[in-house]
Amino acid sequence: MAQTIFILLIIITVFDFIFEQWLDYLNATRFSKSLPSELEGVFDSNEYAKSQLYKKTNHRFGMVSSAFSFVLIMMMLLFGGFSLVDGWSETITSHYVLQALVFFAILGFAFDLLSTPFDLYDTFVIEEKFGFNKSTTKVFIADKLKGWLVSAILGGGILALIIWMWKITGENFWWIAWAFVSVFSLFMVMFYSQLIVPLFNKQSPLPDGDLKQAIYEFAEKAGFNLKNIYVIDGSKRSTKANAYFTGLGNKKRIVLYDTLINELNTQEIVAVLAHEIGHYKKKHTIIGLITGIAQTGIMFFVFSLLVSSPWLSEALGVSQIKFHIALIAFAILYSPLSFAMGIGMNIISRKNEYQADAYAASFGLAEELSSALKKLTANSLGNLTPHPLYVFFHYSHPTLLQRLQHLQKEVQ
């Protein structure tokens, strides 16, 4: 049975790589030298040519980086890499929890170091070439170190507790771990912006002025209780613009990237925020949170049925039943189901985006939202003509053209 599971691990890994490469190839076939007539006005001819070059460059880079990751995983599977690292962890500590933490620390650190040259090239060559990068070597290194620290404290802490629960309660650990992770997820939704974001970015209250007044006026008109509007220094790393909502209840806040404020006018920003408020009004945020928690529960339950079996560990060359080895094997085996659920979530998400756009349009902001979407797409050199299959499998948002057409119908 362990040999069968090992073969399944290889098949899933290979199929996933080939399938993703095929989707990327299909997407690349949609690159065009001429701007589609229905999208005229988003880019001028020079910007469109630049966007096509940006897509082609990222496509070629993505092929190399994904192939590198694929080769690494296959080598770990075929040559007993996970068993080797497990042996190293055994020489460092005999405690079952500490062994798992050392195991994942070695893997995480090694993979991160090996991927760092790709991150550097992406940031300081590709993004720099196309005028997006504002990061520095100092910021890049600081982000790496802070990322390791957060992963070690949060990821390591959660993993240690889950392994301890498994050891104490056996197969029943899944619902206890599920409850703990669900509570932690809610906590992070509430306080992520206050606890984690400040480690990487500076946030400051939006200054008084026309924009703040316009946002508050719209929130009052929409019956949306809003107290916290912040500006984040996104320009510290990139020229790309963004905005997001975070938190629940009286902890919810709007976070505007400084690049967004520089890119859009006041009414366009209000239209973008109207779209986000639409998600709250339509209960998309709560439903998404509940759905995510349910998916986590399903994952923990299925894992609980397999974790104590010797087959998962033996499939990766480890004779003893070990939580961390079983987790690696399970993550690969579970990926097809996770991918299938992700497709369903993307379908629902794209539907929700249309509803949020319609909400903004109901306040007479269809034109402003359309203008904002065009500017944001042009600002990021976004893909105007993705392949429909690529959209189906990977896009959580409709394409720009689909959203513009939908907004146009809302005003007719």
Protein backbone atom coordinates (compact mmCIF):
# COMPACT_ATOMS: atom_id res chain seq x y z
CA MET A 1 0.00 0.00 0.00
CA ALA A 2 2.87 2.40 0.78
CA GLN A 3 4.26 1.79 -2.72
CA THR A 4 0.85 2.58 -4.24
CA ILE A 5 0.68 5.84 -2.29
CA PHE A 6 4.21 6.72 -3.43
CA ILE A 7 3.19 6.19 -7.08
CA LEU A 8 0.12 8.36 -6.49
CA LEU A 9 2.33 11.11 -5.07
CA ILE A 10 4.49 11.02 -8.21
CA ILE A 11 1.48 10.97 -10.56
CA ILE A 12 -0.25 13.88 -8.82
CA THR A 13 2.94 15.97 -8.76
CA VAL A 14 3.69 15.34 -12.44
CA PHE A 15 0.10 15.86 -13.57
CA ASP A 16 -0.19 19.11 -11.62
CA PHE A 17 2.99 20.46 -13.23
CA ILE A 18 1.98 19.45 -16.77
CA PHE A 19 -1.54 20.77 -16.33
CA GLU A 20 -0.35 24.15 -15.05
CA GLN A 21 2.19 24.42 -17.87
CA TRP A 22 -0.57 23.66 -20.38
CA LEU A 23 -2.81 26.36 -18.90
CA ASP A 24 0.06 28.85 -19.01
CA TYR A 25 0.71 27.92 -22.63
CA LEU A 26 -2.96 28.46 -23.52
CA ASN A 27 -2.86 31.82 -21.80
CA ALA A 28 0.28 32.76 -23.74
CA THR A 29 -1.47 32.00 -27.05
CA ARG A 30 -3.77 34.95 -26.32
CA PHE A 31 -0.94 37.46 -26.42
CA SER A 32 -1.56 39.83 -29.30
CA LYS A 33 0.30 42.69 -30.94
CA SER A 34 -2.89 44.62 -31.62
CA LEU A 35 -5.25 45.94 -28.95
CA PRO A 36 -8.75 44.42 -29.19
CA SER A 37 -11.20 47.06 -30.37
CA GLU A 38 -13.56 46.51 -27.43
CA LEU A 39 -10.75 47.40 -25.03
CA GLU A 40 -9.56 50.57 -26.71
CA GLY A 41 -9.12 53.34 -24.19
CA VAL A 42 -7.57 51.17 -21.49
CA PHE A 43 -4.07 51.35 -22.98
CA ASP A 44 -2.60 53.50 -25.70
CA SER A 45 -0.56 51.64 -28.32
CA ASN A 46 2.75 52.07 -26.50
CA GLU A 47 1.33 50.98 -23.13
CA TYR A 48 -0.32 47.97 -24.74
CA ALA A 49 2.94 46.90 -26.37
CA LYS A 50 4.61 47.26 -22.97
CA SER A 51 1.90 45.16 -21.32
CA GLN A 52 2.39 42.40 -23.89
CA LEU A 53 6.13 42.38 -23.30
CA TYR A 54 5.53 42.30 -19.54
CA LYS A 55 3.25 39.27 -19.89
CA LYS A 56 5.69 37.44 -22.15
CA THR A 57 8.57 38.15 -19.79
CA ASN A 58 6.62 36.88 -16.79
CA HIS A 59 5.47 33.84 -18.76
CA ARG A 60 9.03 32.82 -19.62
CA PHE A 61 10.21 33.51 -16.08
CA GLY A 62 7.28 31.53 -14.67
CA MET A 63 8.18 28.53 -16.82
CA VAL A 64 11.73 28.51 -15.46
CA SER A 65 10.80 29.06 -11.80
CA SER A 66 7.98 26.49 -11.82
CA ALA A 67 10.23 23.93 -13.55
CA PHE A 68 12.86 24.51 -10.87
CA SER A 69 10.30 23.95 -8.10
CA PHE A 70 9.01 20.83 -9.85
CA VAL A 71 12.50 19.36 -10.14
CA LEU A 72 13.18 20.05 -6.46
CA ILE A 73 9.99 18.30 -5.32
CA MET A 74 10.59 15.34 -7.64
CA MET A 75 14.14 14.95 -6.34
CA MET A 76 12.86 15.01 -2.76
CA LEU A 77 10.31 12.31 -3.62
CA LEU A 78 12.50 10.06 -5.79
CA PHE A 79 15.70 10.22 -3.75
CA GLY A 80 14.29 10.08 -0.22
CA GLY A 81 14.82 13.75 0.57
CA PHE A 82 12.06 13.94 3.15
CA SER A 83 13.40 10.84 4.92
CA LEU A 84 16.87 12.40 4.92
CA VAL A 85 15.67 15.63 6.52
CA ASP A 86 13.66 13.62 9.05
CA GLY A 87 16.86 11.79 9.98
CA TRP A 88 18.62 15.10 10.56
CA SER A 89 15.80 16.26 12.83
CA GLU A 90 16.13 13.04 14.84
CA THR A 91 19.80 13.75 15.51
CA ILE A 92 18.90 17.19 16.88
CA THR A 93 16.04 16.22 19.20
CA SER A 94 14.06 13.16 20.23
CA HIS A 95 10.90 15.07 21.21
CA TYR A 96 8.10 14.42 18.69
CA VAL A 97 6.94 18.06 18.57
CA LEU A 98 10.42 19.55 18.34
CA GLN A 99 11.34 17.02 15.64
CA ALA A 100 8.47 18.24 13.50
CA LEU A 101 9.41 21.89 14.05
CA VAL A 102 13.05 21.22 13.17
CA PHE A 103 11.95 19.21 10.10
CA PHE A 104 9.79 22.02 8.71
CA ALA A 105 12.34 24.66 9.70
CA ILE A 106 15.03 22.90 7.63
CA LEU A 107 12.69 22.40 4.67
CA GLY A 108 11.29 25.92 4.81
CA PHE A 109 14.67 27.59 5.18
CA ALA A 110 16.24 25.49 2.40
CA PHE A 111 13.42 26.03 -0.09
CA ASP A 112 13.31 29.73 0.72
CA LEU A 113 17.04 30.13 0.17
CA LEU A 114 16.85 28.23 -3.12
CA SER A 115 13.95 30.39 -4.30
CA THR A 116 15.57 33.67 -3.23
CA PRO A 117 17.50 34.14 -6.52
CA PHE A 118 14.19 33.91 -8.37
CA ASP A 119 12.61 36.44 -5.99
CA LEU A 120 15.55 38.78 -6.49
CA TYR A 121 15.36 38.49 -10.26
CA ASP A 122 11.61 39.05 -10.26
CA THR A 123 11.86 42.13 -8.02
CA PHE A 124 15.06 43.81 -9.14
CA VAL A 125 15.14 42.80 -12.81
CA ILE A 126 11.63 42.22 -14.18
CA GLU A 127 9.66 44.59 -11.94
CA GLU A 128 12.48 47.14 -12.16
CA LYS A 129 12.59 46.94 -15.96
CA PHE A 130 8.89 47.71 -16.25
CA GLY A 131 8.94 50.54 -13.71
CA PHE A 132 7.11 48.81 -10.83
CA ASN A 133 9.84 48.14 -8.29
CA LYS A 134 10.43 50.64 -5.50
CA SER A 135 11.98 48.18 -3.08
CA THR A 136 15.60 48.27 -1.99
CA THR A 137 18.01 45.51 -1.00
CA LYS A 138 17.60 46.59 2.63
CA VAL A 139 13.80 46.33 2.45
CA PHE A 140 14.02 42.98 0.62
CA ILE A 141 16.30 41.48 3.28
CA ALA A 142 14.24 42.93 6.13
CA ASP A 143 11.07 41.44 4.62
CA LYS A 144 12.76 38.04 4.41
CA LEU A 145 13.90 38.11 8.02
CA LYS A 146 10.54 39.35 9.30
CA GLY A 147 8.75 36.72 7.20
CA TRP A 148 10.86 33.97 8.75
CA LEU A 149 10.17 35.34 12.22
CA VAL A 150 6.39 35.50 11.71
CA SER A 151 6.34 32.02 10.16
CA ALA A 152 8.37 30.60 13.02
CA ILE A 153 6.21 32.14 15.74
CA LEU A 154 2.74 31.74 14.22
CA GLY A 155 3.25 28.75 11.95
CA GLY A 156 5.50 26.93 14.40
CA GLY A 157 3.22 27.65 17.33
CA ILE A 158 0.08 26.43 15.56
CA LEU A 159 1.82 23.32 14.24
CA ALA A 160 3.20 22.46 17.69
CA LEU A 161 -0.27 22.72 19.26
CA ILE A 162 -1.90 20.60 16.56
CA ILE A 163 0.74 17.86 16.87
CA TRP A 164 0.32 17.89 20.66
CA MET A 165 -3.48 17.58 20.23
CA TRP A 166 -2.97 14.62 17.88
CA LYS A 167 -0.67 12.86 20.32
CA ILE A 168 -3.05 13.39 23.25
CA THR A 169 -6.43 12.73 21.60
CA GLY A 170 -5.61 10.48 18.63
CA GLU A 171 -8.10 10.49 15.73
CA ASN A 172 -10.39 12.94 17.59
CA PHE A 173 -7.75 15.63 17.27
CA TRP A 174 -9.31 16.89 14.04
CA TRP A 175 -12.29 18.72 15.55
CA ILE A 176 -10.22 20.20 18.40
CA ALA A 177 -7.60 21.41 15.92
CA TRP A 178 -10.34 22.66 13.61
CA ALA A 179 -11.93 24.68 16.42
CA PHE A 180 -8.55 26.14 17.40
CA VAL A 181 -7.59 27.08 13.83
CA SER A 182 -11.05 28.57 13.22
CA VAL A 183 -10.80 30.79 16.30
CA PHE A 184 -7.28 31.79 15.31
CA SER A 185 -8.47 32.62 11.78
CA LEU A 186 -11.22 34.86 13.16
CA PHE A 187 -8.69 36.54 15.43
CA MET A 188 -6.38 37.23 12.48
CA VAL A 189 -9.26 38.62 10.40
CA MET A 190 -10.00 41.00 13.25
CA PHE A 191 -6.46 42.06 14.12
CA TYR A 192 -4.18 41.24 11.17
CA SER A 193 -3.96 44.88 10.14
CA GLN A 194 -3.02 45.97 13.67
CA LEU A 195 -0.59 43.14 14.51
CA ILE A 196 1.08 41.88 11.32
CA VAL A 197 0.92 44.67 8.75
CA PRO A 198 2.90 47.16 10.92
CA LEU A 199 5.84 44.76 10.83
CA PHE A 200 6.14 45.36 7.09
CA ASN A 201 4.41 48.65 6.33
CA LYS A 202 3.55 51.95 7.91
CA GLN A 203 -0.15 52.72 8.27
CA SER A 204 -1.46 56.15 9.13
CA PRO A 205 -4.97 57.60 9.38
CA LEU A 206 -6.22 59.21 6.19
CA PRO A 207 -5.73 62.99 6.59
CA ASP A 208 -8.76 65.26 6.67
CA GLY A 209 -9.73 66.54 3.28
CA ASP A 210 -12.03 66.02 0.30
CA LEU A 211 -11.28 62.30 -0.05
CA LYS A 212 -11.96 61.47 3.59
CA GLN A 213 -15.12 63.55 3.53
CA ALA A 214 -16.34 61.86 0.34
CA ILE A 215 -15.71 58.39 1.78
CA TYR A 216 -17.57 59.16 5.00
CA GLU A 217 -20.47 60.69 3.09
CA PHE A 218 -20.82 57.60 0.93
CA ALA A 219 -20.54 55.26 3.93
CA GLU A 220 -23.34 57.17 5.64
CA LYS A 221 -25.47 57.06 2.48
CA ALA A 222 -24.89 53.29 2.24
CA GLY A 223 -25.67 52.74 5.93
CA PHE A 224 -22.18 51.40 6.52
CA ASN A 225 -20.66 52.13 9.92
CA LEU A 226 -17.09 53.23 9.22
CA LYS A 227 -14.62 54.71 11.67
CA ASN A 228 -11.19 53.66 10.49
CA ILE A 229 -9.62 54.73 7.19
CA TYR A 230 -5.88 54.21 6.84
CA VAL A 231 -3.22 54.86 4.22
CA ILE A 232 -0.45 52.30 3.78
CA ASP A 233 2.93 53.05 2.23
CA GLY A 234 2.62 50.61 -0.68
CA SER A 235 5.00 52.78 -2.71
CA LYS A 236 7.74 51.47 -0.40
CA ARG A 237 7.88 48.37 -2.61
CA SER A 238 5.90 48.92 -5.80
CA THR A 239 4.05 51.44 -7.93
CA LYS A 240 1.08 49.06 -8.24
CA ALA A 241 -2.09 50.34 -6.59
CA ASN A 242 -4.43 48.53 -4.25
CA ALA A 243 -7.01 48.91 -1.47
CA TYR A 244 -8.67 46.46 0.88
CA PHE A 245 -11.07 46.03 3.77
CA THR A 246 -10.06 44.11 6.86
CA GLY A 247 -11.61 43.25 10.19
CA LEU A 248 -15.17 42.64 11.32
CA GLY A 249 -17.66 44.62 13.37
CA ASN A 250 -16.18 47.70 15.01
CA LYS A 251 -12.69 46.45 14.05
CA LYS A 252 -13.25 46.78 10.32
CA ARG A 253 -11.11 49.29 8.50
CA ILE A 254 -10.43 50.57 5.00
CA VAL A 255 -6.79 50.50 3.95
CA LEU A 256 -5.80 52.58 0.91
CA TYR A 257 -2.42 52.23 -0.73
CA ASP A 258 -0.76 55.61 -1.23
CA THR A 259 -0.26 54.56 -4.86
CA LEU A 260 -4.04 54.22 -5.25
CA ILE A 261 -4.60 57.73 -3.96
CA ASN A 262 -2.06 59.03 -6.46
CA GLU A 263 -3.54 57.02 -9.34
CA LEU A 264 -7.31 57.61 -8.97
CA ASN A 265 -9.43 60.69 -8.42
CA THR A 266 -11.75 61.05 -5.44
CA GLN A 267 -14.90 59.67 -7.06
CA GLU A 268 -13.05 56.72 -8.54
CA ILE A 269 -11.72 55.81 -5.09
CA VAL A 270 -15.22 56.13 -3.65
CA ALA A 271 -16.47 53.81 -6.41
CA VAL A 272 -13.79 51.21 -5.56
CA LEU A 273 -14.74 51.39 -1.88
CA ALA A 274 -18.44 51.19 -2.80
CA HIS A 275 -17.61 47.88 -4.50
CA GLU A 276 -15.89 46.64 -1.32
CA ILE A 277 -18.80 47.80 0.85
CA GLY A 278 -21.01 45.85 -1.54
CA HIS A 279 -19.22 42.68 -0.49
CA TYR A 280 -20.09 43.42 3.13
CA LYS A 281 -23.69 44.31 2.34
CA LYS A 282 -24.17 41.15 0.30
CA LYS A 283 -22.63 39.07 3.12
CA HIS A 284 -19.86 37.83 0.82
CA THR A 285 -17.22 38.40 3.48
CA ILE A 286 -19.02 36.39 6.17
CA ILE A 287 -20.04 33.62 3.76
CA GLY A 288 -16.47 33.39 2.46
CA LEU A 289 -15.13 33.16 6.00
CA ILE A 290 -17.63 30.42 6.93
CA THR A 291 -16.88 28.52 3.72
CA GLY A 292 -13.15 28.72 4.39
CA ILE A 293 -13.66 27.39 7.91
CA ALA A 294 -15.82 24.54 6.56
CA GLN A 295 -13.12 23.61 4.03
CA THR A 296 -10.55 23.57 6.82
CA GLY A 297 -12.80 21.23 8.78
CA ILE A 298 -13.09 18.86 5.82
CA MET A 299 -9.32 18.85 5.41
CA PHE A 300 -8.70 18.10 9.10
CA PHE A 301 -11.31 15.32 9.08
CA VAL A 302 -9.86 13.57 6.04
CA PHE A 303 -6.34 13.95 7.44
CA SER A 304 -7.45 12.42 10.75
CA LEU A 305 -8.49 9.26 8.90
CA LEU A 306 -5.02 8.84 7.44
CA VAL A 307 -2.46 10.40 9.78
CA SER A 308 -2.14 7.39 12.09
CA SER A 309 -1.70 4.97 9.22
CA PRO A 310 1.90 3.83 8.64
CA TRP A 311 1.37 3.98 4.87
CA LEU A 312 1.77 7.74 4.49
CA SER A 313 5.07 7.82 6.35
CA GLU A 314 6.34 4.65 4.67
CA ALA A 315 5.52 6.13 1.26
CA LEU A 316 8.17 8.78 1.95
CA GLY A 317 10.71 6.31 3.28
CA VAL A 318 10.09 6.67 7.03
CA SER A 319 9.31 3.45 8.91
CA GLN A 320 7.73 5.09 11.97
CA ILE A 321 4.40 6.90 12.01
CA LYS A 322 5.27 10.59 12.14
CA PHE A 323 2.84 13.48 11.95
CA HIS A 324 5.10 15.77 9.92
CA ILE A 325 5.92 13.11 7.32
CA ALA A 326 2.27 12.12 7.00
CA LEU A 327 1.39 15.80 6.59
CA ILE A 328 3.74 16.16 3.60
CA ALA A 329 2.28 13.09 1.87
CA PHE A 330 -1.28 14.14 2.69
CA ALA A 331 -0.74 17.66 1.33
CA ILE A 332 0.11 16.20 -2.08
CA LEU A 333 -2.68 13.59 -2.02
CA TYR A 334 -5.25 16.18 -0.95
CA SER A 335 -4.23 18.75 -3.59
CA PRO A 336 -6.65 17.48 -6.31
CA LEU A 337 -9.60 17.85 -3.93
CA SER A 338 -8.32 21.24 -2.80
CA PHE A 339 -7.95 22.30 -6.42
CA ALA A 340 -11.51 21.18 -7.22
CA MET A 341 -12.91 23.12 -4.26
CA GLY A 342 -10.85 26.11 -5.37
CA ILE A 343 -12.56 26.04 -8.77
CA GLY A 344 -15.94 26.15 -7.06
CA MET A 345 -14.80 29.01 -4.84
CA ASN A 346 -13.56 30.95 -7.87
CA ILE A 347 -16.92 30.51 -9.62
CA ILE A 348 -18.72 31.88 -6.56
CA SER A 349 -16.14 34.66 -6.16
CA ARG A 350 -16.59 35.85 -9.75
CA LYS A 351 -20.35 35.94 -9.22
CA ASN A 352 -19.82 37.93 -6.03
CA GLU A 353 -17.65 40.44 -7.89
CA TYR A 354 -20.48 41.13 -10.32
CA GLN A 355 -22.86 41.67 -7.40
CA ALA A 356 -20.44 44.07 -5.69
CA ASP A 357 -20.00 45.97 -8.97
CA ALA A 358 -23.80 46.17 -9.29
CA TYR A 359 -23.98 47.52 -5.73
CA ALA A 360 -21.60 50.34 -6.61
CA ALA A 361 -23.54 51.00 -9.81
CA SER A 362 -26.79 51.28 -7.81
CA PHE A 363 -25.37 54.48 -6.30
CA GLY A 364 -24.66 55.93 -9.74
CA LEU A 365 -20.98 55.01 -9.67
CA ALA A 366 -20.81 52.65 -12.65
CA GLU A 367 -18.87 55.10 -14.81
CA GLU A 368 -16.43 55.95 -12.01
CA LEU A 369 -15.87 52.27 -11.19
CA SER A 370 -15.30 51.45 -14.86
CA SER A 371 -12.77 54.26 -15.09
CA ALA A 372 -11.02 53.07 -11.92
CA LEU A 373 -10.82 49.48 -13.16
CA LYS A 374 -9.29 50.65 -16.44
CA LYS A 375 -6.70 52.79 -14.66
CA LEU A 376 -5.78 50.04 -12.19
CA THR A 377 -5.39 47.51 -15.00
CA ALA A 378 -3.26 49.89 -17.02
CA ASN A 379 -1.21 50.75 -13.92
CA SER A 380 -0.34 47.08 -13.35
CA LEU A 381 -0.04 46.21 -17.07
CA GLY A 382 -2.77 43.66 -16.45
CA ASN A 383 -3.76 40.94 -18.89
CA LEU A 384 -6.67 42.18 -21.00
CA THR A 385 -7.15 38.95 -22.97
CA PRO A 386 -6.62 35.90 -20.72
CA HIS A 387 -7.63 32.51 -22.07
CA PRO A 388 -11.14 31.47 -20.90
CA LEU A 389 -9.86 28.17 -19.49
CA TYR A 390 -7.16 29.94 -17.51
CA VAL A 391 -9.82 32.31 -16.17
CA PHE A 392 -12.07 29.38 -15.24
CA PHE A 393 -9.40 27.58 -13.25
CA HIS A 394 -7.50 30.48 -11.68
CA TYR A 395 -9.37 33.81 -11.73
CA SER A 396 -11.25 34.83 -8.61
CA HIS A 397 -12.42 37.96 -10.48
CA PRO A 398 -14.05 38.31 -13.89
CA THR A 399 -11.85 39.75 -16.61
CA LEU A 400 -11.75 43.50 -17.12
CA LEU A 401 -13.85 43.26 -20.29
CA GLN A 402 -16.49 41.14 -18.55
CA ARG A 403 -16.75 43.60 -15.68
CA LEU A 404 -16.99 46.61 -17.99
CA GLN A 405 -19.72 44.92 -20.01
CA HIS A 406 -21.61 44.04 -16.84
CA LEU A 407 -21.36 47.59 -15.53
CA GLN A 408 -22.59 48.90 -18.87
CA LYS A 409 -25.71 46.74 -18.56
CA GLU A 410 -26.31 48.12 -15.06
CA VAL A 411 -26.73 51.66 -16.39
CA GLN A 412 -28.90 50.77 -19.37
